[in-house]
Amino acid sequence: MTSLLLVEDDEVIRIAVGRTLERYGFTVRTAADGLAGLDRFREGPPDLLLLDVMLPGLDGIGLCRRVRETSQVPILMMSARGDSLDVVGGLEAGADDYVVKPVDTSVLVARIRAVMRRAAVDPSADPAADRAAELVFGDVRIDPGGLEVTRAGRPVALTPTELRLLLELAAHPGVVLERHRLLREVWDYKWQGGDSRVVDLCVARLRTKIGAERIETVRGFGYKLRR
């Protein structure tokens, strides 16, 4: 059973969301502020961390950063306003995705399940796994079967979403992959136009880890991985 840690300071929302997710079969632990959420996380990491941006003590972005110092657990952020700074801040801190409150229950559950599917990377289902045992892009080496990435011989710690994004790009070296295709293949979204910041911010994070020159931006289209 999938375990969730919900960090939300609004008691009504915390109880309502927690009970709803339990009805969908999730095991839910809760915390009312960022510092308490960090303590609960350290007591036993969940399968997924669901946290609000605006939290007392330690806000959601700060909590996300603290968790990312030691863990690649999937993180889904909740923003009451959908404010650009909230969204960008959360994604830059290492969140895998975000939802805007108030969020429909079915949308929230769908987003949680999509993030969890990305976390359960299956090499046999990935196109890159059928290629050579090891893919080399400059000083970056990717082992699709072992799901390991190194740069200049040193291990690179990637979140599940970052790893899926890299595998998708590596499966098509030199080919420009449009944002809507990446949203579909990596985030499991059906593109209906609109916000694609989640792609751009994840690419930016990935660049800091494997080298900015390794991923080329093709303006107006998308991204490609360079040899």
Protein backbone atom coordinates (compact mmCIF):
# COMPACT_ATOMS: atom_id res chain seq x y z
CA MET A 1 0.00 0.00 0.00
CA THR A 2 1.38 3.41 -0.98
CA SER A 3 2.29 5.59 1.98
CA LEU A 4 1.90 9.37 1.81
CA LEU A 5 3.07 12.15 4.09
CA LEU A 6 0.71 15.12 3.83
CA VAL A 7 2.07 18.42 5.21
CA GLU A 8 -0.71 21.02 5.35
CA ASP A 9 -1.29 23.71 7.98
CA ASP A 10 -5.03 24.16 7.33
CA GLU A 11 -6.65 21.60 9.63
CA VAL A 12 -9.88 21.35 7.61
CA ILE A 13 -8.00 20.71 4.36
CA ARG A 14 -5.51 18.36 6.07
CA ILE A 15 -8.27 16.18 7.53
CA ALA A 16 -10.45 16.23 4.40
CA VAL A 17 -7.62 15.44 1.98
CA GLY A 18 -6.18 12.80 4.30
CA ARG A 19 -9.49 10.98 4.66
CA THR A 20 -10.18 11.19 0.93
CA LEU A 21 -6.80 9.72 0.03
CA GLU A 22 -7.31 6.92 2.55
CA ARG A 23 -10.56 6.04 0.78
CA TYR A 24 -8.52 5.67 -2.40
CA GLY A 25 -6.33 3.12 -0.66
CA PHE A 26 -3.37 5.25 0.43
CA THR A 27 -1.83 5.15 3.89
CA VAL A 28 -1.64 8.76 5.07
CA ARG A 29 0.44 10.40 7.79
CA THR A 30 0.06 14.12 8.38
CA ALA A 31 1.90 17.13 9.79
CA ALA A 32 0.68 20.67 10.40
CA ASP A 33 3.88 22.63 9.69
CA GLY A 34 7.16 22.33 7.88
CA LEU A 35 9.38 21.44 10.81
CA ALA A 36 6.93 18.80 12.03
CA GLY A 37 6.77 17.48 8.46
CA LEU A 38 10.56 17.19 8.37
CA ASP A 39 10.53 15.28 11.65
CA ARG A 40 7.83 12.92 10.39
CA PHE A 41 9.77 12.39 7.19
CA ARG A 42 12.92 11.50 9.10
CA GLU A 43 10.97 9.07 11.29
CA GLY A 44 10.23 7.05 8.18
CA PRO A 45 10.29 8.30 4.56
CA PRO A 46 6.94 7.84 2.76
CA ASP A 47 6.48 6.66 -0.81
CA LEU A 48 5.41 10.20 -1.71
CA LEU A 49 5.53 13.59 -0.01
CA LEU A 50 2.53 15.88 -0.57
CA LEU A 51 3.10 19.37 0.81
CA ASP A 52 1.63 22.82 0.74
CA VAL A 53 3.80 25.74 -0.30
CA MET A 54 2.66 28.10 2.47
CA LEU A 55 3.59 26.47 5.77
CA PRO A 56 4.51 27.99 9.16
CA GLY A 57 7.98 27.50 10.60
CA LEU A 58 9.55 26.02 7.48
CA ASP A 59 7.69 26.66 4.25
CA GLY A 60 7.06 24.01 1.63
CA ILE A 61 9.89 25.12 -0.63
CA GLY A 62 12.34 25.04 2.27
CA LEU A 63 11.07 21.62 3.33
CA CYS A 64 11.43 20.35 -0.24
CA ARG A 65 15.05 21.50 -0.33
CA ARG A 66 15.82 19.86 3.02
CA VAL A 67 14.35 16.56 1.86
CA ARG A 68 16.26 16.71 -1.42
CA GLU A 69 19.54 16.92 0.51
CA THR A 70 19.19 13.26 1.44
CA SER A 71 16.32 11.73 -0.52
CA GLN A 72 14.92 11.41 -4.05
CA VAL A 73 11.42 10.52 -2.83
CA PRO A 74 8.69 11.80 -5.18
CA ILE A 75 7.35 15.21 -4.10
CA LEU A 76 4.06 16.79 -5.16
CA MET A 77 3.58 20.45 -4.19
CA MET A 78 0.26 22.20 -3.56
CA SER A 79 -0.12 25.92 -4.21
CA ALA A 80 -3.20 27.85 -3.08
CA ARG A 81 -2.72 30.55 -5.68
CA GLY A 82 -0.96 28.92 -8.57
CA ASP A 83 1.36 31.90 -8.34
CA SER A 84 4.30 31.70 -10.74
CA LEU A 85 6.81 32.23 -7.94
CA ASP A 86 5.26 29.39 -5.91
CA VAL A 87 5.31 27.03 -8.87
CA VAL A 88 8.80 27.92 -10.04
CA GLY A 89 10.18 27.91 -6.49
CA GLY A 90 8.76 24.47 -5.78
CA LEU A 91 10.01 22.93 -9.00
CA GLU A 92 13.44 24.51 -8.64
CA ALA A 93 13.65 23.13 -5.11
CA GLY A 94 13.24 19.62 -6.51
CA ALA A 95 9.50 18.93 -6.57
CA ASP A 96 8.36 16.51 -9.27
CA ASP A 97 5.02 18.19 -9.95
CA TYR A 98 2.46 20.59 -8.52
CA VAL A 99 -1.29 21.10 -8.23
CA VAL A 100 -3.24 24.29 -7.60
CA LYS A 101 -5.70 24.43 -4.69
CA PRO A 102 -8.59 23.99 -4.48
CA VAL A 103 -7.92 20.82 -6.41
CA ASP A 104 -10.50 18.28 -7.53
CA THR A 105 -10.03 14.95 -5.75
CA SER A 106 -9.85 12.97 -8.98
CA VAL A 107 -7.18 15.34 -10.32
CA LEU A 108 -5.12 15.06 -7.14
CA VAL A 109 -5.28 11.27 -7.13
CA ALA A 110 -4.42 11.15 -10.84
CA ARG A 111 -1.38 13.39 -10.25
CA ILE A 112 -0.25 11.26 -7.30
CA ARG A 113 -0.54 8.07 -9.32
CA ALA A 114 1.29 9.63 -12.27
CA VAL A 115 4.18 10.71 -10.02
CA MET A 116 4.31 7.23 -8.48
CA ARG A 117 4.42 5.61 -11.93
CA ARG A 118 7.37 7.79 -12.80
CA ALA A 119 9.06 6.75 -9.57
CA ALA A 120 8.66 3.07 -10.48
CA VAL A 121 10.96 3.28 -13.51
CA ASP A 122 10.86 -0.02 -15.39
CA PRO A 123 13.94 -0.42 -17.62
CA SER A 124 12.26 -3.09 -19.72
CA ALA A 125 9.50 -0.63 -20.63
CA ASP A 126 11.85 2.17 -21.61
CA PRO A 127 13.07 2.53 -25.21
CA ALA A 128 16.61 3.32 -24.00
CA ALA A 129 16.82 -0.08 -22.31
CA ASP A 130 16.83 -1.77 -25.70
CA ARG A 131 19.89 0.13 -26.80
CA ALA A 132 23.52 -0.53 -25.90
CA ALA A 133 24.14 -1.55 -22.30
CA GLU A 134 25.67 1.86 -21.66
CA LEU A 135 24.90 5.19 -23.33
CA VAL A 136 27.65 7.79 -23.47
CA PHE A 137 27.17 11.54 -23.91
CA GLY A 138 30.52 13.23 -23.37
CA ASP A 139 31.49 12.59 -19.76
CA VAL A 140 27.95 11.42 -18.93
CA ARG A 141 27.33 7.68 -18.91
CA ILE A 142 23.86 6.16 -18.58
CA ASP A 143 23.17 2.55 -17.67
CA PRO A 144 19.47 2.12 -18.67
CA GLY A 145 19.25 -1.38 -17.21
CA GLY A 146 20.81 -0.51 -13.87
CA LEU A 147 19.21 2.96 -13.82
CA GLU A 148 22.55 4.53 -12.95
CA VAL A 149 24.01 7.77 -14.24
CA THR A 150 27.58 8.98 -13.78
CA ARG A 151 29.39 12.14 -14.79
CA ALA A 152 33.17 12.10 -15.02
CA GLY A 153 33.03 8.80 -13.17
CA ARG A 154 31.00 10.10 -10.26
CA PRO A 155 27.41 8.98 -9.52
CA VAL A 156 24.70 11.53 -10.33
CA ALA A 157 21.70 11.57 -7.99
CA LEU A 158 18.52 12.09 -10.00
CA THR A 159 14.90 12.23 -8.91
CA PRO A 160 12.60 9.70 -10.60
CA THR A 161 11.24 12.40 -12.90
CA GLU A 162 14.71 13.66 -13.81
CA LEU A 163 15.77 10.10 -14.59
CA ARG A 164 12.75 9.48 -16.80
CA LEU A 165 13.39 12.75 -18.62
CA LEU A 166 17.03 11.84 -19.21
CA LEU A 167 16.11 8.35 -20.42
CA GLU A 168 13.56 9.79 -22.83
CA LEU A 169 16.10 12.25 -24.26
CA ALA A 170 18.79 9.55 -24.39
CA ALA A 171 16.49 7.23 -26.33
CA HIS A 172 16.45 9.81 -29.14
CA PRO A 173 19.93 11.41 -29.22
CA GLY A 174 20.15 14.48 -31.41
CA VAL A 175 16.38 14.52 -31.97
CA VAL A 176 14.36 17.53 -30.85
CA LEU A 177 11.62 16.41 -28.49
CA GLU A 178 8.75 18.85 -28.18
CA ARG A 179 7.51 19.91 -24.76
CA HIS A 180 4.09 18.38 -25.32
CA ARG A 181 5.73 15.04 -26.17
CA LEU A 182 7.86 15.18 -23.02
CA LEU A 183 4.77 16.01 -20.95
CA ARG A 184 3.07 12.94 -22.39
CA GLU A 185 5.98 10.51 -22.16
CA VAL A 186 7.56 11.66 -18.89
CA TRP A 187 4.76 13.30 -16.91
CA ASP A 188 1.92 11.20 -18.34
CA TYR A 189 -0.07 14.32 -19.25
CA LYS A 190 -2.42 14.77 -22.15
CA TRP A 191 -1.27 18.03 -23.72
CA GLN A 192 -4.10 20.56 -24.00
CA GLY A 193 -1.98 23.65 -24.40
CA GLY A 194 -1.01 26.01 -21.62
CA ASP A 195 1.58 25.61 -18.90
CA SER A 196 4.73 23.64 -19.68
CA ARG A 197 6.92 25.16 -16.95
CA VAL A 198 7.27 21.79 -15.29
CA VAL A 199 9.28 20.61 -18.32
CA ASP A 200 11.49 23.69 -18.48
CA LEU A 201 12.27 23.65 -14.75
CA CYS A 202 13.06 19.93 -14.76
CA VAL A 203 15.37 20.41 -17.74
CA ALA A 204 17.09 23.24 -15.84
CA ARG A 205 17.64 20.99 -12.81
CA LEU A 206 18.91 18.18 -15.01
CA ARG A 207 21.37 20.54 -16.69
CA THR A 208 22.94 21.43 -13.35
CA LYS A 209 23.62 17.75 -12.78
CA ILE A 210 24.84 16.52 -16.17
CA GLY A 211 26.18 19.76 -17.68
CA ALA A 212 24.36 22.70 -19.20
CA GLU A 213 25.93 22.09 -22.61
CA ARG A 214 24.59 18.54 -22.78
CA ILE A 215 20.93 19.53 -23.34
CA GLU A 216 20.27 21.97 -26.17
CA THR A 217 17.22 24.22 -26.30
CA VAL A 218 15.59 24.58 -29.70
CA ARG A 219 13.50 27.70 -29.30
CA GLY A 220 9.84 27.31 -30.05
CA PHE A 221 10.09 23.52 -30.16
CA GLY A 222 11.77 21.70 -27.28
CA TYR A 223 15.02 20.02 -26.26
CA LYS A 224 17.57 17.52 -27.54
CA LEU A 225 20.43 15.63 -25.93
CA ARG A 226 23.82 16.27 -27.51
CA ARG A 227 26.55 13.67 -27.88
